[in-house]
Structures are given as structure tokens and as C-alpha cells.
Amino acid sequence: MRAALSTTWVILFALPIIAIVVIVAFALYHSSEVRKDDRDDWTDADDR
């Protein structure tokens, strides 16, 4: 009984918190200047 109750608390609270942390971390990574890493995705014609 006690183990099932602990598992329920983990599912209800820990997993959503972990998901929020992962989403925020991905958003911060995505908004950082990762595009300025000297990899050119654009051709010269696209810059004009």
C-alpha cells in the first residue's frame, strides 16, 4: 500500500515538475545564440 501511494505521488507531482524543467531548459537553449556557431544554413542568395 505504501509503495503504491509513493508511486502515485511521484507520478502526480515529480513527473510534471521534471517536464516543466525540461521545457524551460529547451526554451532557454532555443532562445540562446546557438545560430551563431559558424554553421551556415543560408546560401548567399538567401541573404539578399
PDB file of N, CA and C in Angstrom:
ATOM      1  N   MET A   1       0.839  -1.204   0.000  1.00  0.00           N
ATOM      2  CA  MET A   1       0.000   0.000   0.000  1.00  0.00           C
ATOM      3  C   MET A   1       0.871   1.249   0.000  1.00  0.00           C
ATOM      4  N   ARG A   2       1.903   1.221   0.834  1.00  0.00           N
ATOM      5  CA  ARG A   2       2.766   2.397   0.965  1.00  0.00           C
ATOM      6  C   ARG A   2       3.531   2.676  -0.327  1.00  0.00           C
ATOM      7  N   ALA A   3       3.992   1.622  -0.993  1.00  0.00           N
ATOM      8  CA  ALA A   3       4.735   1.786  -2.242  1.00  0.00           C
ATOM      9  C   ALA A   3       3.827   2.326  -3.340  1.00  0.00           C
ATOM     10  N   ALA A   4       2.598   1.865  -3.374  1.00  0.00           N
ATOM     11  CA  ALA A   4       1.655   2.348  -4.386  1.00  0.00           C
ATOM     12  C   ALA A   4       1.347   3.823  -4.164  1.00  0.00           C
ATOM     13  N   LEU A   5       1.255   4.226  -2.912  1.00  0.00           N
ATOM     14  CA  LEU A   5       0.993   5.625  -2.596  1.00  0.00           C
ATOM     15  C   LEU A   5       2.173   6.498  -2.997  1.00  0.00           C
ATOM     16  N   SER A   6       3.383   6.026  -2.753  1.00  0.00           N
ATOM     17  CA  SER A   6       4.578   6.775  -3.146  1.00  0.00           C
ATOM     18  C   SER A   6       4.665   6.904  -4.658  1.00  0.00           C
ATOM     19  N   THR A   7       4.357   5.831  -5.367  1.00  0.00           N
ATOM     20  CA  THR A   7       4.378   5.866  -6.828  1.00  0.00           C
ATOM     21  C   THR A   7       3.362   6.869  -7.350  1.00  0.00           C
ATOM     22  N   THR A   8       2.209   6.920  -6.732  1.00  0.00           N
ATOM     23  CA  THR A   8       1.179   7.875  -7.141  1.00  0.00           C
ATOM     24  C   THR A   8       1.665   9.305  -6.963  1.00  0.00           C
ATOM     25  N   TRP A   9       2.309   9.600  -5.846  1.00  0.00           N
ATOM     26  CA  TRP A   9       2.822  10.952  -5.621  1.00  0.00           C
ATOM     27  C   TRP A   9       3.905  11.317  -6.630  1.00  0.00           C
ATOM     28  N   VAL A  10       4.753  10.350  -6.953  1.00  0.00           N
ATOM     29  CA  VAL A  10       5.802  10.604  -7.950  1.00  0.00           C
ATOM     30  C   VAL A  10       5.177  10.930  -9.295  1.00  0.00           C
ATOM     31  N   ILE A  11       4.190  10.147  -9.691  1.00  0.00           N
ATOM     32  CA  ILE A  11       3.547  10.380 -10.987  1.00  0.00           C
ATOM     33  C   ILE A  11       2.812  11.714 -11.001  1.00  0.00           C
ATOM     34  N   LEU A  12       2.125  12.033  -9.932  1.00  0.00           N
ATOM     35  CA  LEU A  12       1.311  13.249  -9.911  1.00  0.00           C
ATOM     36  C   LEU A  12       2.129  14.525  -9.776  1.00  0.00           C
ATOM     37  N   PHE A  13       3.264  14.473  -9.106  1.00  0.00           N
ATOM     38  CA  PHE A  13       3.999  15.700  -8.824  1.00  0.00           C
ATOM     39  C   PHE A  13       5.393  15.754  -9.437  1.00  0.00           C
ATOM     40  N   ALA A  14       6.169  14.707  -9.304  1.00  0.00           N
ATOM     41  CA  ALA A  14       7.556  14.759  -9.777  1.00  0.00           C
ATOM     42  C   ALA A  14       7.638  14.796 -11.298  1.00  0.00           C
ATOM     43  N   LEU A  15       6.872  13.972 -11.982  1.00  0.00           N
ATOM     44  CA  LEU A  15       6.960  13.938 -13.435  1.00  0.00           C
ATOM     45  C   LEU A  15       6.543  15.258 -14.089  1.00  0.00           C
ATOM     46  N   PRO A  16       5.458  15.902 -13.669  1.00  0.00           N
ATOM     47  CA  PRO A  16       5.144  17.211 -14.253  1.00  0.00           C
ATOM     48  C   PRO A  16       6.212  18.267 -13.960  1.00  0.00           C
ATOM     49  N   ILE A  17       6.806  18.225 -12.773  1.00  0.00           N
ATOM     50  CA  ILE A  17       7.868  19.182 -12.446  1.00  0.00           C
ATOM     51  C   ILE A  17       9.075  18.945 -13.347  1.00  0.00           C
ATOM     52  N   ILE A  18       9.432  17.677 -13.551  1.00  0.00           N
ATOM     53  CA  ILE A  18      10.544  17.358 -14.447  1.00  0.00           C
ATOM     54  C   ILE A  18      10.226  17.812 -15.865  1.00  0.00           C
ATOM     55  N   ALA A  19       8.998  17.604 -16.307  1.00  0.00           N
ATOM     56  CA  ALA A  19       8.604  18.025 -17.653  1.00  0.00           C
ATOM     57  C   ALA A  19       8.710  19.538 -17.800  1.00  0.00           C
ATOM     58  N   ILE A  20       8.290  20.293 -16.794  1.00  0.00           N
ATOM     59  CA  ILE A  20       8.380  21.754 -16.840  1.00  0.00           C
ATOM     60  C   ILE A  20       9.837  22.190 -16.906  1.00  0.00           C
ATOM     61  N   VAL A  21      10.695  21.568 -16.112  1.00  0.00           N
ATOM     62  CA  VAL A  21      12.124  21.912 -16.125  1.00  0.00           C
ATOM     63  C   VAL A  21      12.729  21.635 -17.498  1.00  0.00           C
ATOM     64  N   VAL A  22      12.374  20.509 -18.096  1.00  0.00           N
ATOM     65  CA  VAL A  22      12.896  20.171 -19.426  1.00  0.00           C
ATOM     66  C   VAL A  22      12.408  21.173 -20.466  1.00  0.00           C
ATOM     67  N   ILE A  23      11.142  21.556 -20.409  1.00  0.00           N
ATOM     68  CA  ILE A  23      10.590  22.523 -21.360  1.00  0.00           C
ATOM     69  C   ILE A  23      11.269  23.876 -21.211  1.00  0.00           C
ATOM     70  N   VAL A  24      11.463  24.333 -19.982  1.00  0.00           N
ATOM     71  CA  VAL A  24      12.125  25.620 -19.747  1.00  0.00           C
ATOM     72  C   VAL A  24      13.576  25.565 -20.212  1.00  0.00           C
ATOM     73  N   ALA A  25      14.257  24.465 -19.931  1.00  0.00           N
ATOM     74  CA  ALA A  25      15.647  24.332 -20.369  1.00  0.00           C
ATOM     75  C   ALA A  25      15.737  24.343 -21.887  1.00  0.00           C
ATOM     76  N   PHE A  26      14.828  23.658 -22.557  1.00  0.00           N
ATOM     77  CA  PHE A  26      14.832  23.658 -24.019  1.00  0.00           C
ATOM     78  C   PHE A  26      14.527  25.049 -24.560  1.00  0.00           C
ATOM     79  N   ALA A  27      13.604  25.763 -23.934  1.00  0.00           N
ATOM     80  CA  ALA A  27      13.277  27.116 -24.382  1.00  0.00           C
ATOM     81  C   ALA A  27      14.468  28.050 -24.209  1.00  0.00           C
ATOM     82  N   LEU A  28      15.176  27.935 -23.101  1.00  0.00           N
ATOM     83  CA  LEU A  28      16.366  28.764 -22.891  1.00  0.00           C
ATOM     84  C   LEU A  28      17.453  28.429 -23.906  1.00  0.00           C
ATOM     85  N   TYR A  29      17.629  27.151 -24.190  1.00  0.00           N
ATOM     86  CA  TYR A  29      18.617  26.740 -25.187  1.00  0.00           C
ATOM     87  C   TYR A  29      18.222  27.261 -26.565  1.00  0.00           C
ATOM     88  N   HIS A  30      16.946  27.154 -26.877  1.00  0.00           N
ATOM     89  CA  HIS A  30      16.467  27.570 -28.190  1.00  0.00           C
ATOM     90  C   HIS A  30      16.573  29.081 -28.366  1.00  0.00           C
ATOM     91  N   SER A  31      16.407  29.837 -27.293  1.00  0.00           N
ATOM     92  CA  SER A  31      16.466  31.293 -27.397  1.00  0.00           C
ATOM     93  C   SER A  31      17.889  31.826 -27.286  1.00  0.00           C
ATOM     94  N   SER A  32      18.839  30.956 -26.961  1.00  0.00           N
ATOM     95  CA  SER A  32      20.227  31.398 -26.884  1.00  0.00           C
ATOM     96  C   SER A  32      20.782  31.554 -28.293  1.00  0.00           C
ATOM     97  N   GLU A  33      22.016  32.003 -28.372  1.00  0.00           N
ATOM     98  CA  GLU A  33      22.592  32.307 -29.675  1.00  0.00           C
ATOM     99  C   GLU A  33      23.251  31.082 -30.293  1.00  0.00           C
ATOM    100  N   VAL A  34      22.510  29.987 -30.353  1.00  0.00           N
ATOM    101  CA  VAL A  34      23.063  28.770 -30.937  1.00  0.00           C
ATOM    102  C   VAL A  34      23.203  28.889 -32.444  1.00  0.00           C
ATOM    103  N   ARG A  35      22.513  29.844 -33.050  1.00  0.00           N
ATOM    104  CA  ARG A  35      22.609  30.010 -34.504  1.00  0.00           C
ATOM    105  C   ARG A  35      23.935  30.629 -34.905  1.00  0.00           C
ATOM    106  N   LYS A  36      24.622  31.258 -33.977  1.00  0.00           N
ATOM    107  CA  LYS A  36      25.895  31.902 -34.291  1.00  0.00           C
ATOM    108  C   LYS A  36      27.062  30.973 -33.966  1.00  0.00           C
ATOM    109  N   ASP A  37      27.009  29.774 -34.503  1.00  0.00           N
ATOM    110  CA  ASP A  37      28.058  28.798 -34.222  1.00  0.00           C
ATOM    111  C   ASP A  37      28.881  28.488 -35.466  1.00  0.00           C
ATOM    112  N   ASP A  38      28.918  29.432 -36.394  1.00  0.00           N
ATOM    113  CA  ASP A  38      29.701  29.341 -37.624  1.00  0.00           C
ATOM    114  C   ASP A  38      29.221  28.248 -38.568  1.00  0.00           C
ATOM    115  N   ARG A  39      28.038  27.743 -38.360  1.00  0.00           N
ATOM    116  CA  ARG A  39      27.466  26.816 -39.340  1.00  0.00           C
ATOM    117  C   ARG A  39      26.522  27.617 -40.211  1.00  0.00           C
ATOM    118  N   ASP A  40      26.716  27.565 -41.498  1.00  0.00           N
ATOM    119  CA  ASP A  40      25.934  28.375 -42.422  1.00  0.00           C
ATOM    120  C   ASP A  40      24.796  27.556 -43.010  1.00  0.00           C
ATOM    121  N   ASP A  41      23.583  27.828 -42.565  1.00  0.00           N
ATOM    122  CA  ASP A  41      22.420  27.163 -43.137  1.00  0.00           C
ATOM    123  C   ASP A  41      21.888  27.927 -44.344  1.00  0.00           C
ATOM    124  N   TRP A  42      22.307  29.168 -44.491  1.00  0.00           N
ATOM    125  CA  TRP A  42      21.813  30.026 -45.563  1.00  0.00           C
ATOM    126  C   TRP A  42      22.823  30.057 -46.703  1.00  0.00           C
ATOM    127  N   THR A  43      22.304  30.120 -47.895  1.00  0.00           N
ATOM    128  CA  THR A  43      23.189  30.330 -49.040  1.00  0.00           C
ATOM    129  C   THR A  43      23.346  31.825 -49.257  1.00  0.00           C
ATOM    130  N   ASP A  44      24.284  32.213 -50.083  1.00  0.00           N
ATOM    131  CA  ASP A  44      24.491  33.641 -50.358  1.00  0.00           C
ATOM    132  C   ASP A  44      23.273  34.259 -51.020  1.00  0.00           C
ATOM    133  N   ALA A  45      22.542  33.503 -51.813  1.00  0.00           N
ATOM    134  CA  ALA A  45      21.359  34.032 -52.494  1.00  0.00           C
ATOM    135  C   ALA A  45      20.247  34.346 -51.496  1.00  0.00           C
ATOM    136  N   ASP A  46      20.178  33.611 -50.395  1.00  0.00           N
ATOM    137  CA  ASP A  46      19.125  33.845 -49.403  1.00  0.00           C
ATOM    138  C   ASP A  46      19.357  35.122 -48.611  1.00  0.00           C
ATOM    139  N   ASP A  47      20.589  35.581 -48.535  1.00  0.00           N
ATOM    140  CA  ASP A  47      20.900  36.774 -47.746  1.00  0.00           C
ATOM    141  C   ASP A  47      20.516  38.061 -48.456  1.00  0.00           C
ATOM    142  N   ARG A  48      20.257  37.995 -49.725  1.00  0.00           N
ATOM    143  CA  ARG A  48      19.938  39.220 -50.490  1.00  0.00           C
ATOM    144  C   ARG A  48      18.492  39.588 -50.424  1.00  0.00           C
TER     145      ARG A  48
END
